[in-house]
Protein backbone atom coordinates (compact mmCIF):
# COMPACT_ATOMS: atom_id res chain seq x y z
CA MET A 1 -20.63 -0.25 -6.97
CA SER A 2 -17.07 0.78 -6.05
CA ALA A 3 -14.17 -0.99 -7.75
CA ILE A 4 -12.08 -0.63 -4.56
CA ARG A 5 -13.47 -0.19 -1.06
CA PHE A 6 -11.83 -0.19 2.37
CA GLU A 7 -14.28 -0.43 5.28
CA ASN A 8 -12.75 0.41 8.68
CA VAL A 9 -9.65 -1.61 7.88
CA SER A 10 -6.98 -2.14 10.54
CA LYS A 11 -3.80 -4.20 10.23
CA ARG A 12 -1.66 -5.30 13.15
CA PHE A 13 1.83 -6.78 12.96
CA LEU A 14 3.73 -8.45 15.79
CA LEU A 15 7.35 -7.31 15.92
CA HIS A 16 9.83 -9.75 17.41
CA HIS A 17 12.70 -8.24 19.43
CA GLU A 18 15.63 -10.32 20.63
CA ARG A 19 17.74 -9.33 23.61
CA THR A 20 21.44 -10.14 23.35
CA ARG A 21 23.08 -9.99 26.76
CA SER A 22 26.55 -11.44 26.18
CA LEU A 23 28.85 -13.26 23.77
CA GLN A 24 27.96 -16.44 25.62
CA ASP A 25 24.29 -15.85 24.76
CA LEU A 26 25.20 -15.48 21.08
CA PHE A 27 27.17 -18.74 21.16
CA VAL A 28 24.38 -20.66 22.89
CA ARG A 29 21.70 -19.27 20.56
CA LYS A 30 23.74 -20.28 17.52
CA PHE A 31 23.90 -23.94 18.53
CA THR A 32 20.64 -24.39 20.41
CA ARG A 33 16.99 -23.60 20.00
CA ARG A 34 15.26 -21.79 22.82
CA LYS A 35 11.63 -21.31 23.56
CA HIS A 36 10.70 -17.71 24.21
CA ASN A 37 8.06 -17.21 26.83
CA GLY A 38 7.45 -13.54 26.02
CA ASP A 39 7.00 -12.58 29.69
CA GLY A 40 10.06 -10.38 29.86
CA SER A 41 12.24 -13.01 31.57
CA GLY A 42 13.21 -14.80 28.35
CA GLU A 43 15.36 -13.81 25.40
CA SER A 44 12.76 -12.04 23.28
CA SER A 45 9.65 -9.92 23.37
CA LEU A 46 6.75 -9.17 21.06
CA GLU A 47 5.56 -5.67 20.25
CA GLU A 48 2.28 -4.77 18.57
CA PHE A 49 2.53 -2.44 15.59
CA TRP A 50 -0.62 -1.14 13.92
CA ALA A 51 0.23 -0.28 10.31
CA LEU A 52 -3.38 0.81 9.63
CA ARG A 53 -6.12 1.98 12.00
CA ASP A 54 -9.77 2.16 10.87
CA VAL A 55 -8.93 3.15 7.29
CA SER A 56 -11.89 3.77 4.98
CA PHE A 57 -11.87 4.98 1.37
CA GLU A 58 -13.14 3.88 -2.03
CA ALA A 59 -12.49 4.30 -5.74
CA SER A 60 -15.09 4.21 -8.50
CA PRO A 61 -14.74 2.24 -11.76
CA GLY A 62 -12.40 4.10 -14.13
CA GLU A 63 -11.13 6.45 -11.41
CA MET A 64 -7.43 7.09 -10.79
CA LEU A 65 -6.88 7.47 -7.05
CA GLY A 66 -3.58 8.77 -5.71
CA VAL A 67 -2.28 7.59 -2.34
CA ILE A 68 0.34 9.83 -0.74
CA GLY A 69 2.09 10.06 2.60
CA PRO A 70 5.52 9.76 4.23
CA ASN A 71 7.49 6.55 4.37
CA GLY A 72 6.05 4.20 6.97
CA ALA A 73 2.59 5.77 6.75
CA GLY A 74 0.90 2.53 5.66
CA LYS A 75 0.79 2.89 1.87
CA SER A 76 2.57 -0.41 1.19
CA THR A 77 0.23 -2.16 3.61
CA VAL A 78 -2.73 -0.85 1.59
CA LEU A 79 -1.22 -2.34 -1.58
CA LYS A 80 -0.55 -5.70 0.07
CA LEU A 81 -4.11 -5.87 1.38
CA LEU A 82 -5.53 -5.10 -2.07
CA ALA A 83 -3.28 -7.71 -3.69
CA ARG A 84 -4.34 -10.30 -1.06
CA ILE A 85 -0.75 -10.78 0.04
CA ILE A 86 -1.91 -10.20 3.62
CA GLU A 87 -5.32 -10.13 5.30
CA PRO A 88 -6.72 -7.33 7.49
CA THR A 89 -6.84 -7.75 11.25
CA SER A 90 -10.28 -6.16 11.20
CA GLY A 91 -12.52 -4.48 8.63
CA LYS A 92 -13.20 -5.43 5.02
CA VAL A 93 -11.33 -4.96 1.73
CA HIS A 94 -13.38 -5.19 -1.48
CA VAL A 95 -11.93 -5.45 -5.00
CA LYS A 96 -14.26 -5.82 -7.97
CA GLY A 97 -12.85 -7.82 -10.89
CA ARG A 98 -9.37 -8.90 -11.89
CA LEU A 99 -6.43 -7.09 -10.27
CA ASN A 100 -2.97 -6.47 -11.71
CA ALA A 101 -0.02 -4.77 -10.01
CA LEU A 102 2.94 -2.76 -11.30
CA ILE A 103 5.25 -3.39 -8.34
CA GLU A 104 8.97 -4.31 -8.41
CA LEU A 105 9.13 -4.59 -12.19
CA GLY A 106 11.35 -7.37 -13.47
CA ALA A 107 11.88 -8.83 -9.99
CA GLY A 108 10.85 -12.30 -11.18
CA PHE A 109 13.08 -12.50 -14.25
CA HIS A 110 15.34 -15.54 -14.62
CA GLU A 111 18.82 -14.08 -15.11
CA GLU A 112 20.07 -16.90 -17.35
CA LEU A 113 17.14 -16.63 -19.79
CA THR A 114 16.93 -14.12 -22.63
CA GLY A 115 14.53 -11.21 -22.66
CA ARG A 116 12.28 -13.08 -25.09
CA GLU A 117 12.24 -16.20 -22.90
CA ASN A 118 11.45 -14.11 -19.83
CA ILE A 119 8.46 -12.62 -21.63
CA TYR A 120 6.99 -16.11 -21.97
CA LEU A 121 7.91 -17.00 -18.38
CA SER A 122 6.46 -13.81 -16.88
CA GLY A 123 3.35 -14.01 -19.04
CA ALA A 124 2.69 -17.56 -17.86
CA LEU A 125 3.07 -16.47 -14.23
CA LEU A 126 0.54 -13.71 -14.90
CA GLY A 127 -1.97 -16.23 -16.25
CA LEU A 128 -1.52 -15.82 -20.01
CA SER A 129 -1.47 -18.79 -22.37
CA ARG A 130 1.45 -19.24 -24.77
CA ARG A 131 -0.84 -18.28 -27.65
CA GLU A 132 -1.85 -15.04 -25.91
CA ILE A 133 1.79 -14.19 -25.21
CA ARG A 134 2.78 -14.90 -28.83
CA ARG A 135 0.00 -12.62 -30.05
CA GLN A 136 1.30 -9.72 -27.94
CA LEU A 137 5.02 -10.48 -28.19
CA ASP A 138 5.85 -7.89 -30.86
CA GLU A 139 3.97 -5.17 -28.96
CA ILE A 140 5.87 -5.95 -25.74
CA ILE A 141 9.26 -5.87 -27.47
CA ALA A 142 8.49 -2.67 -29.37
CA PHE A 143 7.21 -0.87 -26.28
CA SER A 144 10.28 -1.83 -24.23
CA GLU A 145 12.58 -0.51 -27.01
CA LEU A 146 14.84 -3.53 -26.50
CA GLU A 147 14.67 -4.99 -30.02
CA LYS A 148 18.47 -5.25 -30.30
CA PHE A 149 18.86 -7.03 -26.98
CA ILE A 150 15.72 -9.15 -26.69
CA ASP A 151 17.66 -12.38 -27.35
CA THR A 152 20.41 -11.49 -24.87
CA PRO A 153 20.31 -13.06 -21.36
CA VAL A 154 18.83 -10.54 -18.94
CA LYS A 155 21.81 -10.98 -16.59
CA HIS A 156 23.54 -8.57 -18.98
CA TYR A 157 20.72 -6.00 -18.78
CA SER A 158 21.03 -2.77 -16.82
CA SER A 159 18.48 -2.01 -14.10
CA GLY A 160 16.70 0.37 -16.46
CA MET A 161 16.38 -2.30 -19.14
CA HIS A 162 14.96 -4.73 -16.55
CA MET A 163 12.29 -2.23 -15.56
CA ARG A 164 11.36 -1.31 -19.13
CA LEU A 165 10.80 -4.93 -20.10
CA GLY A 166 8.91 -5.61 -16.87
CA PHE A 167 6.62 -2.62 -17.45
CA ALA A 168 5.93 -3.66 -21.04
CA ILE A 169 4.97 -7.19 -19.95
CA ALA A 170 2.82 -6.15 -17.00
CA THR A 171 0.79 -3.57 -18.90
CA VAL A 172 -0.45 -5.92 -21.64
CA ILE A 173 -2.55 -7.77 -19.06
CA GLU A 174 -6.13 -6.53 -19.07
CA SER A 175 -7.65 -6.02 -15.63
CA GLU A 176 -10.40 -4.10 -13.85
CA VAL A 177 -8.07 -2.79 -11.12
CA LEU A 178 -4.42 -1.77 -11.50
CA LEU A 179 -2.02 -1.01 -8.63
CA VAL A 180 0.91 1.27 -9.47
CA ASP A 181 3.66 1.69 -6.86
CA GLU A 182 6.43 4.17 -7.72
CA VAL A 183 7.41 2.39 -10.95
CA LEU A 184 6.86 5.07 -13.59
CA ALA A 185 10.38 6.51 -13.30
CA VAL A 186 11.54 4.02 -15.93
CA GLY A 187 14.27 4.90 -18.43
CA ASP A 188 14.74 8.38 -19.89
CA ALA A 189 12.21 11.21 -20.09
CA ASN A 190 10.76 9.99 -23.40
CA PHE A 191 10.19 6.47 -22.10
CA GLN A 192 8.68 7.80 -18.89
CA ARG A 193 6.21 9.78 -21.02
CA LYS A 194 5.35 6.56 -22.87
CA CYS A 195 4.65 4.88 -19.53
CA PHE A 196 2.17 7.55 -18.50
CA GLU A 197 0.55 7.40 -21.94
CA ARG A 198 0.16 3.62 -21.54
CA ILE A 199 -1.40 4.16 -18.09
CA ALA A 200 -3.80 6.69 -19.65
CA GLU A 201 -4.79 4.14 -22.33
CA ILE A 202 -5.49 1.54 -19.65
CA ARG A 203 -7.56 4.05 -17.74
CA GLU A 204 -9.64 4.94 -20.82
CA LYS A 205 -10.71 1.29 -21.01
CA GLY A 206 -12.42 1.72 -17.63
CA THR A 207 -9.70 0.29 -15.41
CA THR A 208 -9.56 1.65 -11.86
CA ILE A 209 -6.02 2.71 -10.95
CA LEU A 210 -4.56 3.16 -7.48
CA PHE A 211 -1.36 5.20 -7.82
CA VAL A 212 1.07 5.32 -4.88
CA SER A 213 3.72 7.99 -5.26
CA HIS A 214 5.99 10.45 -3.45
CA GLN A 215 5.84 12.80 -6.46
CA MET A 216 3.10 15.32 -5.79
CA ALA A 217 3.33 16.77 -9.30
CA ASP A 218 2.47 13.41 -10.89
CA VAL A 219 -0.41 12.84 -8.48
CA GLU A 220 -1.86 16.29 -9.20
CA ARG A 221 -1.40 15.89 -12.96
CA HIS A 222 -2.85 12.40 -13.43
CA CYS A 223 -5.20 11.54 -10.55
CA ASP A 224 -8.89 12.35 -10.04
CA ARG A 225 -8.66 12.18 -6.25
CA ALA A 226 -5.96 11.68 -3.64
CA VAL A 227 -5.91 10.12 -0.19
CA LEU A 228 -3.33 11.20 2.40
CA ILE A 229 -2.26 8.50 4.87
CA MET A 230 -0.12 9.35 7.89
CA GLY A 231 0.49 7.19 10.92
CA GLY A 232 -1.77 4.47 9.54
CA LYS A 233 -4.81 6.75 9.30
CA VAL A 234 -6.54 8.64 6.49
CA ILE A 235 -5.84 12.31 7.16
CA ALA A 236 -7.36 13.76 3.98
CA ASP A 237 -9.45 12.61 1.01
CA GLY A 238 -10.17 15.12 -1.73
CA THR A 239 -8.86 16.70 -4.91
CA PRO A 240 -5.18 16.01 -5.63
CA GLY A 241 -4.24 19.68 -5.27
CA GLU A 242 -5.96 20.14 -1.91
CA THR A 243 -4.63 16.86 -0.51
CA ALA A 244 -1.06 17.53 -1.68
CA GLN A 245 -1.16 21.02 -0.14
CA GLN A 246 -2.37 19.62 3.18
CA TYR A 247 0.46 17.08 3.12
CA LYS A 248 3.05 19.82 2.53
CA GLU A 249 1.64 21.92 5.40
CA LEU A 250 1.65 18.97 7.81
CA THR A 251 5.22 18.09 6.82
CA LYS A 252 6.40 21.66 7.47
CA ARG A 253 4.61 21.70 10.83
CA ARG A 254 6.37 18.49 11.91
CA ARG A 255 9.76 20.04 11.15
CA THR A 256 9.38 23.04 13.46
CA ASP A 257 9.95 21.08 16.70
CA VAL A 258 13.17 19.07 16.52
CA PRO A 259 13.92 16.59 19.35
CA ASP A 260 17.45 16.91 20.69
CA PHE A 261 18.51 13.47 19.39
CA TYR A 262 18.20 14.62 15.75
CA ASN A 263 20.42 17.72 16.03
CA VAL A 264 22.97 17.06 13.31
CA GLU A 265 25.29 19.42 11.45
CA TYR A 266 26.41 18.54 7.94
CA VAL A 267 29.95 19.94 7.95
CA GLU A 268 31.27 18.96 4.53
CA TRP A 269 30.37 16.65 1.67
CA GLN A 270 31.58 15.44 -1.72
CA VAL A 271 29.18 14.17 -4.37
CA PRO A 272 29.49 13.72 -8.17
CA GLU A 273 28.22 16.51 -10.41
CA GLU A 274 27.31 13.99 -13.12
CA MET A 275 26.30 10.31 -13.05
CA ARG A 276 25.14 7.79 -15.63
CA ILE A 277 22.08 5.52 -15.36
CA GLY A 278 23.03 2.14 -13.89
CA GLU A 279 26.47 3.28 -12.70
CA ARG A 280 27.34 3.95 -9.08
CA ALA A 281 29.70 6.63 -7.78
CA PRO A 282 31.28 7.30 -4.37
CA PHE A 283 30.24 10.08 -2.02
CA SER A 284 31.43 11.22 1.39
CA VAL A 285 29.86 13.36 4.10
CA THR A 286 31.24 14.74 7.34
CA ILE A 287 28.69 15.12 10.13
CA ARG A 288 28.77 16.49 13.67
CA ASN A 289 26.60 15.23 16.54
CA ASN A 290 25.16 18.44 18.01
CA SER A 291 22.82 16.58 20.35
CA ARG A 292 23.39 15.61 23.98
CA GLU A 293 22.98 11.89 23.20
CA LEU A 294 25.28 9.14 21.95
CA TRP A 295 24.72 7.96 18.38
CA ASN A 296 25.46 4.25 18.09
CA GLY A 297 27.49 2.93 15.18
CA GLU A 298 28.75 -0.53 14.32
CA GLN A 299 30.38 -0.72 17.74
CA GLY A 300 27.17 0.23 19.55
CA SER A 301 24.56 -1.85 21.33
CA GLY A 302 22.22 -1.80 18.35
CA THR A 303 19.61 0.53 19.82
CA ARG A 304 19.06 3.66 17.73
CA MET A 305 21.94 2.70 15.46
CA VAL A 306 22.57 5.65 13.10
CA SER A 307 23.25 5.27 9.38
CA VAL A 308 23.83 7.60 6.41
CA SER A 309 21.73 7.36 3.25
CA TYR A 310 20.21 9.60 0.58
CA HIS A 311 17.05 10.38 -1.39
CA TRP A 312 16.57 11.58 -4.97
CA LEU A 313 14.30 14.58 -5.57
CA ASP A 314 13.13 15.97 -8.89
CA ARG A 315 13.92 19.56 -9.84
CA PHE A 316 10.71 20.71 -8.13
CA GLY A 317 11.78 19.18 -4.82
CA ASN A 318 9.32 16.26 -5.00
CA MET A 319 10.47 12.80 -3.87
CA HIS A 320 11.61 10.84 -6.92
CA GLN A 321 13.33 7.85 -5.32
CA PHE A 322 13.24 7.07 -1.62
CA MET A 323 16.29 5.82 0.25
CA GLY A 324 19.51 4.64 -1.31
CA PRO A 325 21.81 2.08 0.35
CA ARG A 326 22.51 2.84 4.02
CA LYS A 327 25.96 2.98 5.63
CA ILE A 328 26.07 2.51 9.40
CA LEU A 329 28.41 4.88 11.25
CA PRO A 330 31.78 3.08 11.53
CA ARG A 331 31.94 3.91 15.26
CA ASN A 332 29.89 5.46 18.04
CA LEU A 333 29.58 9.23 17.86
CA GLY A 334 29.33 11.16 21.10
CA PRO A 335 27.95 14.70 21.64
CA GLY A 336 30.06 17.27 19.79
CA GLU A 337 32.07 14.65 17.89
CA THR A 338 32.62 14.64 14.10
CA ILE A 339 32.92 11.72 11.68
CA THR A 340 33.32 11.24 7.91
CA VAL A 341 31.32 8.48 6.21
CA THR A 342 31.84 7.21 2.64
CA ASN A 343 29.44 5.13 0.56
CA PHE A 344 28.19 4.70 -3.02
CA ILE A 345 25.32 6.45 -4.82
CA LEU A 346 23.00 4.76 -7.33
CA PRO A 347 21.25 7.23 -9.69
CA PRO A 348 17.59 7.12 -10.73
CA ALA A 349 16.67 5.01 -13.77
CA GLN A 350 15.89 8.20 -15.67
CA SER A 351 18.15 10.87 -17.16
CA GLY A 352 17.76 14.53 -16.29
CA ASN A 353 18.54 17.04 -13.55
CA PHE A 354 17.90 15.92 -9.97
CA LEU A 355 18.58 16.92 -6.38
CA LEU A 356 20.47 14.49 -4.16
CA GLU A 357 19.35 14.88 -0.53
CA LEU A 358 21.66 13.42 2.11
CA ASP A 359 19.93 12.09 5.23
CA LEU A 360 20.55 10.17 8.44
CA ALA A 361 18.37 7.43 9.90
CA ALA A 362 18.22 6.00 13.41
CA GLU A 363 17.02 2.42 13.86
CA GLY A 364 13.63 2.51 15.53
CA ALA A 365 13.60 6.31 15.59
CA GLY A 366 13.12 7.31 11.93
CA TRP A 367 14.73 9.67 9.45
CA PHE A 368 16.42 12.85 10.69
CA GLY A 369 14.90 14.74 7.75
CA ALA A 370 11.40 13.72 8.82
CA HIS A 371 12.11 15.17 12.27
CA GLY A 372 13.10 18.60 11.00
CA LYS A 373 16.78 18.07 10.20
CA PRO A 374 17.00 17.41 6.44
CA GLY A 375 20.42 17.20 4.88
CA PRO A 376 21.79 19.29 2.00
CA GLN A 377 20.12 19.05 -1.41
CA LEU A 378 22.76 18.95 -4.15
CA PRO A 379 22.23 19.23 -7.93
CA VAL A 380 23.29 16.16 -9.95
CA THR A 381 22.87 15.57 -13.69
CA VAL A 382 22.00 11.96 -14.60
CA LEU A 383 23.13 10.97 -18.10
CA PRO A 384 21.55 8.22 -20.29
CA GLU A 385 22.83 4.67 -19.86
CA ARG A 386 25.59 3.30 -22.06
CA SER A 387 24.46 0.94 -24.82
CA ALA A 388 27.11 -1.74 -24.23
CA ARG A 389 30.60 -2.54 -23.05
CA ARG A 390 33.20 -3.61 -25.55
CA ASN A 391 32.91 -7.21 -24.41
CA GLY A 392 29.18 -7.22 -25.07
CA ASP A 393 28.03 -6.91 -21.45
CA LEU A 394 25.18 -4.42 -21.31
CA LYS A 395 25.76 -3.38 -17.71
CA GLU A 396 27.32 0.04 -17.38
CA THR A 397 30.71 0.87 -15.94
CA GLU A 398 31.53 3.42 -13.29
CA LEU A 399 31.99 7.07 -14.27
CA PRO A 400 35.00 9.01 -13.08
CA VAL A 401 33.73 11.14 -10.21
CA ALA A 402 33.76 14.89 -10.68
CA ALA A 403 33.66 15.81 -7.01
CA ASN A 404 31.54 18.76 -5.98
CA SER A 405 32.84 19.80 -2.58
CA LYS A 406 30.70 21.96 -0.32
CA ASN A 407 31.52 23.36 3.10
CA ARG A 408 29.17 24.72 5.73
CA LYS A 409 30.35 25.94 9.12
């Protein structure tokens, strides 16, 4: 019997859209409650969105199944259905045995408690008794490599330290099915290797693992099979190499026909050559609207509002971290107009050499890069995190920015 099985699963969401017609409407809505009739004459409307359509796949006991696809394809919906966070609109989802999930590591930590206290708190939330936690306490602390700081409140931890402790806690729980969602880029290269070794140990015990990732190299290296999901449907199901290749070919094909709206020119940009884990740094980019349409900014009506963001790629060009903080255009940008946008970059929680890819996004219309207009990919070296500040706070400080200015005309 399969450990995981999806049988013709579909999931529908109802999206609520409000129409704002005037400042008077905003004032009235703030101080009154209105009933929305949904017939087009009221203040709001509902739109059906099918995140998944007739999705079927399965994973055998002890198998590691990779799930790949672009952002918005339906991968997160698959995870939520497996974790019973949501229920399918139609079809059946089967999970055999106890399920554990490595998703948003450290998200439930209490900031005022120490690392040690959070181990007990998180363990209890995961269903462990105090005796079971005490028996595995030394292993958790040793694996996280936070022996010096385990009795420090986690509010002083860097993001990388949060994730390392969260991973160590989550992986001591024995389960028949494990969900892994883009969380193995934890700490430096050595710690990341430890994470994969821990996953391999869990797998050897017969645990079925569903691994969601944008990194094709990791999927090909560690998974037995891979499923490609695009547009809420299973496009391919086969060996990791074959499925990854099909994904790359489909992505290239989608980039050949660029709608006019997405015609952007990246004129000039400044990004840091080096960054340090946990420390942010400023960047700026000058863009030109080469389309025939207006791009809305903060002063726009809200439809297709355009913002600037970025992605981190590994040195092979595979997605390492999707989407940094967005910055909406400070004003509307008409055809042929140019604007400079500044924002801050947050590096990956892993040291090494990466590519920073700048990108634009339009609300309700998707990423420009996904429509054939990717931004520049710039090399950035990410250095290990600092151990501590002089005042004892373990959060890192900002690095001086060594600007790397590029110009394309």
